[in-house]
Amino acid sequence: MEMINERRSTVASSGAELAVFEYGREPGPEVPTLLLVHGYPDDHQVFLPAIRDLARSHHVVAYDTRNAGASAVMGLPGDFTLKTLVDDMFAVLAAVGAADVHLVGHDWGSIQGWAAVQDPRAAGLIGRYTSISGPDLRHFARWVRSRYARPRAWPQLAGQLARSWYIAAFLVPKLPEAAWRLFLTKRYGQTAKRDVGDDPIRGLALYRANFFSAVNWPAGGRVTLPVQVVVPLKDSFLSPDLVDGLDSWVDDLTVIRVDSGHWWPASRPAEFAELLRQPQPTPQPTTQITP
């Protein structure tokens, strides 16, 4: 497998030491910067197959979020609220000194990305956003409420609630940790084809810090920068219908449906990299990518 030059640094943010990794060319007017933010139960390595491709033409930045990989929280229990995760992202952006960044988030990285692009600090730093398999939490809550109020939409709601069963399981004390230690970590590592270490157990803090109360969520707002939402049609955890209503608060929205599962960036890295190399598309209701 082709090797890539990796430049590693550490960024301090709100009681955490974040491991930051840069690849490819130095940023500049002709060299776009990508910031890739991973989800659960991953670290930045989930993007490495695509980074090997993208580093030829881009300045690529990835980091281990505070619950994963080589990053660490100083002191226990640590702060894993969405507000703090977004502060981490802006600390990384400041440290790498890039502007007009193409932000790309998968799973929990996408949840963080949605909060970041609604933050006033995004102006001048984030030029566009690609969301993959991770909804804005406020939009998710509105979507659930709207389906609950409309009996005809109950099948959609039931389908998403069935996909979300694991969230309730992760909120139970101690049992999820035991399951990961006994068999789930080994099984996921075999699927991911890498050692995931204790990332699955550390990452449970994301759910426990953010799903009890919206108090821990940053303020919402309109999104004016260009956004493309990638919808894997075979996602086991998120319904394709969750994109409904995004256009009411996202001004420049493109929806891209892919015939793949939740971990599309890792399972089809060439397709993922090709999407990120494309210039910002002209807004349209739906774009279909076929395998």
C-alpha atoms as a PDB file:
ATOM      1  CA  MET A   1       0.000   0.000   0.000  1.00  0.00           C
ATOM      2  CA  GLU A   2       1.297   3.446  -0.902  1.00  0.00           C
ATOM      3  CA  MET A   3       2.864   5.340   1.987  1.00  0.00           C
ATOM      4  CA  ILE A   4       2.010   8.984   2.625  1.00  0.00           C
ATOM      5  CA  ASN A   5       3.979  11.622   4.475  1.00  0.00           C
ATOM      6  CA  GLU A   6       2.316  12.350   7.796  1.00  0.00           C
ATOM      7  CA  ARG A   7       2.975  15.466   9.854  1.00  0.00           C
ATOM      8  CA  ARG A   8       1.742  15.090  13.411  1.00  0.00           C
ATOM      9  CA  SER A   9       1.181  17.788  16.024  1.00  0.00           C
ATOM     10  CA  THR A  10      -0.731  18.265  19.266  1.00  0.00           C
ATOM     11  CA  VAL A  11      -3.332  20.942  19.934  1.00  0.00           C
ATOM     12  CA  ALA A  12      -4.545  21.843  23.427  1.00  0.00           C
ATOM     13  CA  SER A  13      -8.262  22.531  23.752  1.00  0.00           C
ATOM     14  CA  SER A  14     -10.553  22.741  26.788  1.00  0.00           C
ATOM     15  CA  GLY A  15      -8.769  20.176  28.915  1.00  0.00           C
ATOM     16  CA  ALA A  16      -7.789  17.859  26.067  1.00  0.00           C
ATOM     17  CA  GLU A  17      -4.671  17.201  24.006  1.00  0.00           C
ATOM     18  CA  LEU A  18      -5.772  16.591  20.429  1.00  0.00           C
ATOM     19  CA  ALA A  19      -3.629  14.575  18.036  1.00  0.00           C
ATOM     20  CA  VAL A  20      -3.652  16.350  14.656  1.00  0.00           C
ATOM     21  CA  PHE A  21      -2.381  14.832  11.412  1.00  0.00           C
ATOM     22  CA  GLU A  22      -1.595  16.686   8.183  1.00  0.00           C
ATOM     23  CA  TYR A  23      -0.933  15.120   4.796  1.00  0.00           C
ATOM     24  CA  GLY A  24      -0.137  16.156   1.270  1.00  0.00           C
ATOM     25  CA  ARG A  25       0.747  19.600   0.028  1.00  0.00           C
ATOM     26  CA  GLU A  26       1.183  22.802   1.986  1.00  0.00           C
ATOM     27  CA  PRO A  27      -1.956  24.969   2.000  1.00  0.00           C
ATOM     28  CA  GLY A  28      -2.082  27.865  -0.422  1.00  0.00           C
ATOM     29  CA  PRO A  29      -4.283  29.706  -2.934  1.00  0.00           C
ATOM     30  CA  GLU A  30      -4.100  26.792  -5.388  1.00  0.00           C
ATOM     31  CA  VAL A  31      -4.087  24.016  -2.776  1.00  0.00           C
ATOM     32  CA  PRO A  32      -7.466  23.411  -1.100  1.00  0.00           C
ATOM     33  CA  THR A  33      -7.620  22.213   2.494  1.00  0.00           C
ATOM     34  CA  LEU A  34      -9.834  19.362   3.639  1.00  0.00           C
ATOM     35  CA  LEU A  35     -10.621  18.842   7.327  1.00  0.00           C
ATOM     36  CA  LEU A  36     -11.831  15.268   7.913  1.00  0.00           C
ATOM     37  CA  VAL A  37     -13.631  14.517  11.189  1.00  0.00           C
ATOM     38  CA  HIS A  38     -14.275  10.880  12.073  1.00  0.00           C
ATOM     39  CA  GLY A  39     -17.159   9.300  13.921  1.00  0.00           C
ATOM     40  CA  TYR A  40     -17.791   6.524  16.429  1.00  0.00           C
ATOM     41  CA  PRO A  41     -16.152   4.086  17.131  1.00  0.00           C
ATOM     42  CA  ASP A  42     -13.334   5.260  14.879  1.00  0.00           C
ATOM     43  CA  ASP A  43     -10.337   7.570  14.895  1.00  0.00           C
ATOM     44  CA  HIS A  44      -8.696   9.424  11.997  1.00  0.00           C
ATOM     45  CA  GLN A  45      -7.411   6.159  10.523  1.00  0.00           C
ATOM     46  CA  VAL A  46     -10.855   5.437   9.079  1.00  0.00           C
ATOM     47  CA  PHE A  47     -10.004   8.012   6.374  1.00  0.00           C
ATOM     48  CA  LEU A  48      -6.472   6.818   5.517  1.00  0.00           C
ATOM     49  CA  PRO A  49      -7.376   4.914   2.317  1.00  0.00           C
ATOM     50  CA  ALA A  50      -8.976   8.067   0.881  1.00  0.00           C
ATOM     51  CA  ILE A  51      -6.235  10.334   2.245  1.00  0.00           C
ATOM     52  CA  ARG A  52      -3.626   8.416   0.230  1.00  0.00           C
ATOM     53  CA  ASP A  53      -5.526   9.499  -2.864  1.00  0.00           C
ATOM     54  CA  LEU A  54      -6.429  13.050  -1.803  1.00  0.00           C
ATOM     55  CA  ALA A  55      -2.959  13.993  -0.522  1.00  0.00           C
ATOM     56  CA  ARG A  56      -1.673  14.252  -4.092  1.00  0.00           C
ATOM     57  CA  SER A  57      -3.738  17.367  -4.725  1.00  0.00           C
ATOM     58  CA  HIS A  58      -4.908  18.655  -1.333  1.00  0.00           C
ATOM     59  CA  HIS A  59      -3.736  19.762   2.058  1.00  0.00           C
ATOM     60  CA  VAL A  60      -5.539  17.172   4.179  1.00  0.00           C
ATOM     61  CA  VAL A  61      -6.047  17.595   7.921  1.00  0.00           C
ATOM     62  CA  ALA A  62      -7.504  14.931  10.207  1.00  0.00           C
ATOM     63  CA  TYR A  63      -7.536  14.638  13.965  1.00  0.00           C
ATOM     64  CA  ASP A  64      -8.535  12.188  16.647  1.00  0.00           C
ATOM     65  CA  THR A  65     -11.460  13.660  18.535  1.00  0.00           C
ATOM     66  CA  ARG A  66     -11.037  13.866  22.295  1.00  0.00           C
ATOM     67  CA  ASN A  67     -12.661  10.469  22.841  1.00  0.00           C
ATOM     68  CA  ALA A  68     -10.462   8.525  20.442  1.00  0.00           C
ATOM     69  CA  GLY A  69      -7.084   7.492  19.101  1.00  0.00           C
ATOM     70  CA  ALA A  70      -3.990   9.375  20.224  1.00  0.00           C
ATOM     71  CA  SER A  71      -5.968  12.259  21.759  1.00  0.00           C
ATOM     72  CA  ALA A  72      -6.431  12.416  25.522  1.00  0.00           C
ATOM     73  CA  VAL A  73      -8.520  14.232  28.098  1.00  0.00           C
ATOM     74  CA  MET A  74      -6.659  15.621  31.084  1.00  0.00           C
ATOM     75  CA  GLY A  75      -8.538  14.532  34.192  1.00  0.00           C
ATOM     76  CA  LEU A  76     -11.714  12.541  34.648  1.00  0.00           C
ATOM     77  CA  PRO A  77     -14.534  12.351  33.789  1.00  0.00           C
ATOM     78  CA  GLY A  78     -13.780  14.909  31.049  1.00  0.00           C
ATOM     79  CA  ASP A  79     -16.058  17.133  28.993  1.00  0.00           C
ATOM     80  CA  PHE A  80     -17.542  15.464  25.917  1.00  0.00           C
ATOM     81  CA  THR A  81     -20.451  17.820  25.264  1.00  0.00           C
ATOM     82  CA  LEU A  82     -21.149  18.909  21.718  1.00  0.00           C
ATOM     83  CA  LYS A  83     -20.262  22.500  22.598  1.00  0.00           C
ATOM     84  CA  THR A  84     -16.775  21.407  23.653  1.00  0.00           C
ATOM     85  CA  LEU A  85     -16.329  19.130  20.640  1.00  0.00           C
ATOM     86  CA  VAL A  86     -17.038  22.120  18.389  1.00  0.00           C
ATOM     87  CA  ASP A  87     -14.509  24.200  20.327  1.00  0.00           C
ATOM     88  CA  ASP A  88     -12.007  21.419  19.606  1.00  0.00           C
ATOM     89  CA  MET A  89     -12.688  21.665  15.900  1.00  0.00           C
ATOM     90  CA  PHE A  90     -12.092  25.402  15.832  1.00  0.00           C
ATOM     91  CA  ALA A  91      -8.909  24.943  17.881  1.00  0.00           C
ATOM     92  CA  VAL A  92      -7.631  22.567  15.200  1.00  0.00           C
ATOM     93  CA  LEU A  93      -8.595  24.980  12.411  1.00  0.00           C
ATOM     94  CA  ALA A  94      -6.735  27.789  14.172  1.00  0.00           C
ATOM     95  CA  ALA A  95      -3.668  25.624  14.703  1.00  0.00           C
ATOM     96  CA  VAL A  96      -3.304  24.569  11.057  1.00  0.00           C
ATOM     97  CA  GLY A  97      -3.791  28.126   9.842  1.00  0.00           C
ATOM     98  CA  ALA A  98      -6.050  27.292   6.938  1.00  0.00           C
ATOM     99  CA  ALA A  99      -8.989  29.286   5.606  1.00  0.00           C
ATOM    100  CA  ASP A 100     -11.921  28.466   3.315  1.00  0.00           C
ATOM    101  CA  VAL A 101     -11.684  24.839   4.436  1.00  0.00           C
ATOM    102  CA  HIS A 102     -13.852  22.071   3.040  1.00  0.00           C
ATOM    103  CA  LEU A 103     -15.143  20.421   6.219  1.00  0.00           C
ATOM    104  CA  VAL A 104     -16.066  16.735   5.933  1.00  0.00           C
ATOM    105  CA  GLY A 105     -17.708  14.818   8.760  1.00  0.00           C
ATOM    106  CA  HIS A 106     -18.781  11.200   9.115  1.00  0.00           C
ATOM    107  CA  ASP A 107     -21.132   9.868  11.799  1.00  0.00           C
ATOM    108  CA  TRP A 108     -20.330  11.781  15.036  1.00  0.00           C
ATOM    109  CA  GLY A 109     -17.887  13.890  13.029  1.00  0.00           C
ATOM    110  CA  SER A 110     -20.849  14.948  10.916  1.00  0.00           C
ATOM    111  CA  ILE A 111     -22.914  15.792  14.000  1.00  0.00           C
ATOM    112  CA  GLN A 112     -20.061  18.043  15.126  1.00  0.00           C
ATOM    113  CA  GLY A 113     -19.788  19.517  11.640  1.00  0.00           C
ATOM    114  CA  TRP A 114     -23.425  20.557  11.580  1.00  0.00           C
ATOM    115  CA  ALA A 115     -22.952  22.419  14.854  1.00  0.00           C
ATOM    116  CA  ALA A 116     -19.748  24.034  13.575  1.00  0.00           C
ATOM    117  CA  VAL A 117     -21.273  25.454  10.386  1.00  0.00           C
ATOM    118  CA  GLN A 118     -23.984  27.146  12.467  1.00  0.00           C
ATOM    119  CA  ASP A 119     -21.330  28.788  14.651  1.00  0.00           C
ATOM    120  CA  PRO A 120     -20.334  32.418  13.880  1.00  0.00           C
ATOM    121  CA  ARG A 121     -16.678  31.315  14.010  1.00  0.00           C
ATOM    122  CA  ALA A 122     -17.185  29.395  10.763  1.00  0.00           C
ATOM    123  CA  ALA A 123     -17.193  32.615   8.703  1.00  0.00           C
ATOM    124  CA  GLY A 124     -13.988  32.764   6.683  1.00  0.00           C
ATOM    125  CA  LEU A 125     -12.743  29.432   8.033  1.00  0.00           C
ATOM    126  CA  ILE A 126     -15.211  26.909   6.629  1.00  0.00           C
ATOM    127  CA  GLY A 127     -16.056  27.383   2.976  1.00  0.00           C
ATOM    128  CA  ARG A 128     -18.231  24.309   2.410  1.00  0.00           C
ATOM    129  CA  TYR A 129     -19.441  21.284   4.281  1.00  0.00           C
ATOM    130  CA  THR A 130     -19.956  17.621   3.387  1.00  0.00           C
ATOM    131  CA  SER A 131     -22.069  15.630   5.850  1.00  0.00           C
ATOM    132  CA  ILE A 132     -22.098  11.811   5.776  1.00  0.00           C
ATOM    133  CA  SER A 133     -24.312   9.655   7.990  1.00  0.00           C
ATOM    134  CA  GLY A 134     -24.627  12.066  10.892  1.00  0.00           C
ATOM    135  CA  PRO A 135     -27.613  14.407  11.390  1.00  0.00           C
ATOM    136  CA  ASP A 136     -27.766  17.764  13.068  1.00  0.00           C
ATOM    137  CA  LEU A 137     -29.154  16.918  16.521  1.00  0.00           C
ATOM    138  CA  ARG A 138     -31.698  19.750  16.550  1.00  0.00           C
ATOM    139  CA  HIS A 139     -32.910  18.753  13.081  1.00  0.00           C
ATOM    140  CA  PHE A 140     -33.160  15.127  14.224  1.00  0.00           C
ATOM    141  CA  ALA A 141     -35.297  16.159  17.211  1.00  0.00           C
ATOM    142  CA  ARG A 142     -37.561  18.315  15.005  1.00  0.00           C
ATOM    143  CA  TRP A 143     -37.864  15.496  12.470  1.00  0.00           C
ATOM    144  CA  VAL A 144     -38.954  13.018  15.154  1.00  0.00           C
ATOM    145  CA  ARG A 145     -41.505  15.451  16.611  1.00  0.00           C
ATOM    146  CA  SER A 146     -42.965  16.245  13.188  1.00  0.00           C
ATOM    147  CA  ARG A 147     -43.410  12.527  12.373  1.00  0.00           C
ATOM    148  CA  TYR A 148     -44.949  11.837  15.752  1.00  0.00           C
ATOM    149  CA  ALA A 149     -47.577  14.516  15.095  1.00  0.00           C
ATOM    150  CA  ARG A 150     -48.550  13.025  11.699  1.00  0.00           C
ATOM    151  CA  PRO A 151     -49.984   9.485  11.791  1.00  0.00           C
ATOM    152  CA  ARG A 152     -49.239   9.001   8.096  1.00  0.00           C
ATOM    153  CA  ALA A 153     -45.537   9.537   8.896  1.00  0.00           C
ATOM    154  CA  TRP A 154     -45.468   6.974  11.704  1.00  0.00           C
ATOM    155  CA  PRO A 155     -43.923   4.285   9.462  1.00  0.00           C
ATOM    156  CA  GLN A 156     -40.965   6.609   8.804  1.00  0.00           C
ATOM    157  CA  LEU A 157     -40.658   7.314  12.514  1.00  0.00           C
ATOM    158  CA  ALA A 158     -40.868   3.643  13.411  1.00  0.00           C
ATOM    159  CA  GLY A 159     -38.181   2.818  10.867  1.00  0.00           C
ATOM    160  CA  GLN A 160     -35.782   5.376  12.341  1.00  0.00           C
ATOM    161  CA  LEU A 161     -36.506   4.407  15.939  1.00  0.00           C
ATOM    162  CA  ALA A 162     -35.718   0.793  15.050  1.00  0.00           C
ATOM    163  CA  ARG A 163     -32.409   1.935  13.561  1.00  0.00           C
ATOM    164  CA  SER A 164     -31.643   3.964  16.715  1.00  0.00           C
ATOM    165  CA  TRP A 165     -31.982   1.093  19.211  1.00  0.00           C
ATOM    166  CA  TYR A 166     -28.255   1.181  19.996  1.00  0.00           C
ATOM    167  CA  ILE A 167     -28.446   4.717  21.434  1.00  0.00           C
ATOM    168  CA  ALA A 168     -30.641   3.549  24.299  1.00  0.00           C
ATOM    169  CA  ALA A 169     -28.304   0.595  24.815  1.00  0.00           C
ATOM    170  CA  PHE A 170     -25.256   2.878  25.015  1.00  0.00           C
ATOM    171  CA  LEU A 171     -26.898   4.948  27.747  1.00  0.00           C
ATOM    172  CA  VAL A 172     -27.135   1.961  30.080  1.00  0.00           C
ATOM    173  CA  PRO A 173     -24.312   1.997  32.674  1.00  0.00           C
ATOM    174  CA  LYS A 174     -21.518  -0.599  32.443  1.00  0.00           C
ATOM    175  CA  LEU A 175     -23.219  -3.123  30.117  1.00  0.00           C
ATOM    176  CA  PRO A 176     -22.034  -1.528  26.840  1.00  0.00           C
ATOM    177  CA  GLU A 177     -18.456  -1.442  28.156  1.00  0.00           C
ATOM    178  CA  ALA A 178     -18.698  -5.131  29.007  1.00  0.00           C
ATOM    179  CA  ALA A 179     -20.068  -5.995  25.574  1.00  0.00           C
ATOM    180  CA  TRP A 180     -17.283  -4.121  23.814  1.00  0.00           C
ATOM    181  CA  ARG A 181     -14.627  -5.780  25.970  1.00  0.00           C
ATOM    182  CA  LEU A 182     -16.051  -9.293  25.589  1.00  0.00           C
ATOM    183  CA  PHE A 183     -16.667  -9.474  21.848  1.00  0.00           C
ATOM    184  CA  LEU A 184     -17.713  -6.303  20.019  1.00  0.00           C
ATOM    185  CA  THR A 185     -14.266  -4.670  19.848  1.00  0.00           C
ATOM    186  CA  LYS A 186     -12.709  -7.757  18.258  1.00  0.00           C
ATOM    187  CA  ARG A 187     -15.586  -8.062  15.808  1.00  0.00           C
ATOM    188  CA  TYR A 188     -15.456  -4.387  14.805  1.00  0.00           C
ATOM    189  CA  GLY A 189     -11.648  -4.496  14.464  1.00  0.00           C
ATOM    190  CA  GLN A 190     -11.962  -7.424  12.067  1.00  0.00           C
ATOM    191  CA  THR A 191     -14.523  -5.520  10.024  1.00  0.00           C
ATOM    192  CA  ALA A 192     -12.470  -2.305  10.013  1.00  0.00           C
ATOM    193  CA  LYS A 193      -9.258  -4.269   9.334  1.00  0.00           C
ATOM    194  CA  ARG A 194      -7.307  -2.391  12.004  1.00  0.00           C
ATOM    195  CA  ASP A 195      -6.788  -2.282  15.731  1.00  0.00           C
ATOM    196  CA  VAL A 196      -9.465   0.021  17.175  1.00  0.00           C
ATOM    197  CA  GLY A 197      -8.054  -0.194  20.707  1.00  0.00           C
ATOM    198  CA  ASP A 198     -10.356   1.267  23.349  1.00  0.00           C
ATOM    199  CA  ASP A 199     -12.001   3.785  20.998  1.00  0.00           C
ATOM    200  CA  PRO A 200     -15.422   2.053  21.250  1.00  0.00           C
ATOM    201  CA  ILE A 201     -15.452   2.266  25.057  1.00  0.00           C
ATOM    202  CA  ARG A 202     -14.065   5.810  25.237  1.00  0.00           C
ATOM    203  CA  GLY A 203     -16.600   7.000  22.679  1.00  0.00           C
ATOM    204  CA  LEU A 204     -19.606   5.987  24.740  1.00  0.00           C
ATOM    205  CA  ALA A 205     -19.097   9.324  26.506  1.00  0.00           C
ATOM    206  CA  LEU A 206     -20.373  11.087  23.377  1.00  0.00           C
ATOM    207  CA  TYR A 207     -23.812   9.556  23.778  1.00  0.00           C
ATOM    208  CA  ARG A 208     -23.986   9.950  27.542  1.00  0.00           C
ATOM    209  CA  ALA A 209     -22.968  13.611  27.453  1.00  0.00           C
ATOM    210  CA  ASN A 210     -25.330  14.687  24.676  1.00  0.00           C
ATOM    211  CA  PHE A 211     -28.510  12.600  24.562  1.00  0.00           C
ATOM    212  CA  PHE A 212     -30.019  13.433  27.952  1.00  0.00           C
ATOM    213  CA  SER A 213     -30.494  17.155  27.360  1.00  0.00           C
ATOM    214  CA  ALA A 214     -30.289  19.697  24.559  1.00  0.00           C
ATOM    215  CA  VAL A 215     -28.643  22.080  27.045  1.00  0.00           C
ATOM    216  CA  ASN A 216     -25.309  20.645  25.942  1.00  0.00           C
ATOM    217  CA  TRP A 217     -25.952  21.472  22.285  1.00  0.00           C
ATOM    218  CA  PRO A 218     -24.690  24.726  20.723  1.00  0.00           C
ATOM    219  CA  ALA A 219     -27.237  27.255  19.527  1.00  0.00           C
ATOM    220  CA  GLY A 220     -28.755  26.525  16.140  1.00  0.00           C
ATOM    221  CA  GLY A 221     -29.155  28.854  13.189  1.00  0.00           C
ATOM    222  CA  ARG A 222     -29.381  29.108   9.423  1.00  0.00           C
ATOM    223  CA  VAL A 223     -26.590  27.666   7.313  1.00  0.00           C
ATOM    224  CA  THR A 224     -25.615  29.874   4.389  1.00  0.00           C
ATOM    225  CA  LEU A 225     -22.459  28.151   3.174  1.00  0.00           C
ATOM    226  CA  PRO A 226     -22.758  25.333   0.598  1.00  0.00           C
ATOM    227  CA  VAL A 227     -23.649  21.949   2.067  1.00  0.00           C
ATOM    228  CA  GLN A 228     -23.746  18.534   0.451  1.00  0.00           C
ATOM    229  CA  VAL A 229     -25.322  15.677   2.365  1.00  0.00           C
ATOM    230  CA  VAL A 230     -24.310  12.151   1.395  1.00  0.00           C
ATOM    231  CA  VAL A 231     -27.063   9.618   2.121  1.00  0.00           C
ATOM    232  CA  PRO A 232     -25.986   5.952   2.048  1.00  0.00           C
ATOM    233  CA  LEU A 233     -29.177   4.153   1.080  1.00  0.00           C
ATOM    234  CA  LYS A 234     -28.149   0.997   2.978  1.00  0.00           C
ATOM    235  CA  ASP A 235     -27.292   2.800   6.226  1.00  0.00           C
ATOM    236  CA  SER A 236     -28.272   0.532   9.125  1.00  0.00           C
ATOM    237  CA  PHE A 237     -28.484   3.437  11.578  1.00  0.00           C
ATOM    238  CA  LEU A 238     -30.025   6.407   9.751  1.00  0.00           C
ATOM    239  CA  SER A 239     -33.094   6.635   7.557  1.00  0.00           C
ATOM    240  CA  PRO A 240     -32.676   8.299   4.138  1.00  0.00           C
ATOM    241  CA  ASP A 241     -35.815  10.276   5.030  1.00  0.00           C
ATOM    242  CA  LEU A 242     -33.877  12.313   7.604  1.00  0.00           C
ATOM    243  CA  VAL A 243     -32.899  14.785   4.872  1.00  0.00           C
ATOM    244  CA  ASP A 244     -36.532  15.945   4.700  1.00  0.00           C
ATOM    245  CA  GLY A 245     -36.790  19.510   5.943  1.00  0.00           C
ATOM    246  CA  LEU A 246     -33.106  20.402   5.688  1.00  0.00           C
ATOM    247  CA  ASP A 247     -33.838  22.855   2.889  1.00  0.00           C
ATOM    248  CA  SER A 248     -35.913  24.964   5.304  1.00  0.00           C
ATOM    249  CA  TRP A 249     -32.755  26.112   7.121  1.00  0.00           C
ATOM    250  CA  VAL A 250     -29.868  25.230   4.793  1.00  0.00           C
ATOM    251  CA  ASP A 251     -29.757  27.774   1.977  1.00  0.00           C
ATOM    252  CA  ASP A 252     -27.427  25.958  -0.461  1.00  0.00           C
ATOM    253  CA  LEU A 253     -28.143  22.223  -0.199  1.00  0.00           C
ATOM    254  CA  THR A 254     -27.237  19.267  -2.407  1.00  0.00           C
ATOM    255  CA  VAL A 255     -28.323  15.743  -1.490  1.00  0.00           C
ATOM    256  CA  ILE A 256     -26.261  12.856  -2.867  1.00  0.00           C
ATOM    257  CA  ARG A 257     -27.557   9.311  -2.500  1.00  0.00           C
ATOM    258  CA  VAL A 258     -25.080   6.446  -2.671  1.00  0.00           C
ATOM    259  CA  ASP A 259     -25.821   2.752  -2.916  1.00  0.00           C
ATOM    260  CA  SER A 260     -23.770   1.800   0.123  1.00  0.00           C
ATOM    261  CA  GLY A 261     -23.819   1.351   3.895  1.00  0.00           C
ATOM    262  CA  HIS A 262     -22.994   3.523   6.880  1.00  0.00           C
ATOM    263  CA  TRP A 263     -19.201   3.278   6.479  1.00  0.00           C
ATOM    264  CA  TRP A 264     -19.185   4.373   2.834  1.00  0.00           C
ATOM    265  CA  PRO A 265     -16.023   6.557   3.222  1.00  0.00           C
ATOM    266  CA  ALA A 266     -14.061   3.479   4.364  1.00  0.00           C
ATOM    267  CA  SER A 267     -15.699   0.817   2.207  1.00  0.00           C
ATOM    268  CA  ARG A 268     -15.492   2.857  -1.011  1.00  0.00           C
ATOM    269  CA  PRO A 269     -12.582   5.258  -0.459  1.00  0.00           C
ATOM    270  CA  ALA A 270     -11.992   5.917  -4.172  1.00  0.00           C
ATOM    271  CA  GLU A 271     -15.605   7.006  -4.614  1.00  0.00           C
ATOM    272  CA  PHE A 272     -15.403   9.104  -1.457  1.00  0.00           C
ATOM    273  CA  ALA A 273     -12.168  10.792  -2.603  1.00  0.00           C
ATOM    274  CA  GLU A 274     -13.578  11.471  -6.045  1.00  0.00           C
ATOM    275  CA  LEU A 275     -16.567  13.264  -4.515  1.00  0.00           C
ATOM    276  CA  LEU A 276     -14.288  15.476  -2.421  1.00  0.00           C
ATOM    277  CA  ARG A 277     -12.172  16.396  -5.449  1.00  0.00           C
ATOM    278  CA  GLN A 278     -15.188  17.783  -7.266  1.00  0.00           C
ATOM    279  CA  PRO A 279     -15.804  21.547  -7.318  1.00  0.00           C
ATOM    280  CA  GLN A 280     -18.794  22.808  -5.414  1.00  0.00           C
ATOM    281  CA  PRO A 281     -21.812  21.513  -7.369  1.00  0.00           C
ATOM    282  CA  THR A 282     -24.642  23.680  -8.593  1.00  0.00           C
ATOM    283  CA  PRO A 283     -27.472  23.232  -6.072  1.00  0.00           C
ATOM    284  CA  GLN A 284     -29.987  20.619  -7.167  1.00  0.00           C
ATOM    285  CA  PRO A 285     -32.628  18.567  -5.367  1.00  0.00           C
ATOM    286  CA  THR A 286     -30.962  15.172  -5.764  1.00  0.00           C
ATOM    287  CA  THR A 287     -27.842  13.665  -7.276  1.00  0.00           C
ATOM    288  CA  GLN A 288     -27.477   9.882  -7.620  1.00  0.00           C
ATOM    289  CA  ILE A 289     -24.128   8.107  -7.506  1.00  0.00           C
ATOM    290  CA  THR A 290     -24.276   4.547  -8.728  1.00  0.00           C
ATOM    291  CA  PRO A 291     -21.774   1.858  -7.798  1.00  0.00           C
END
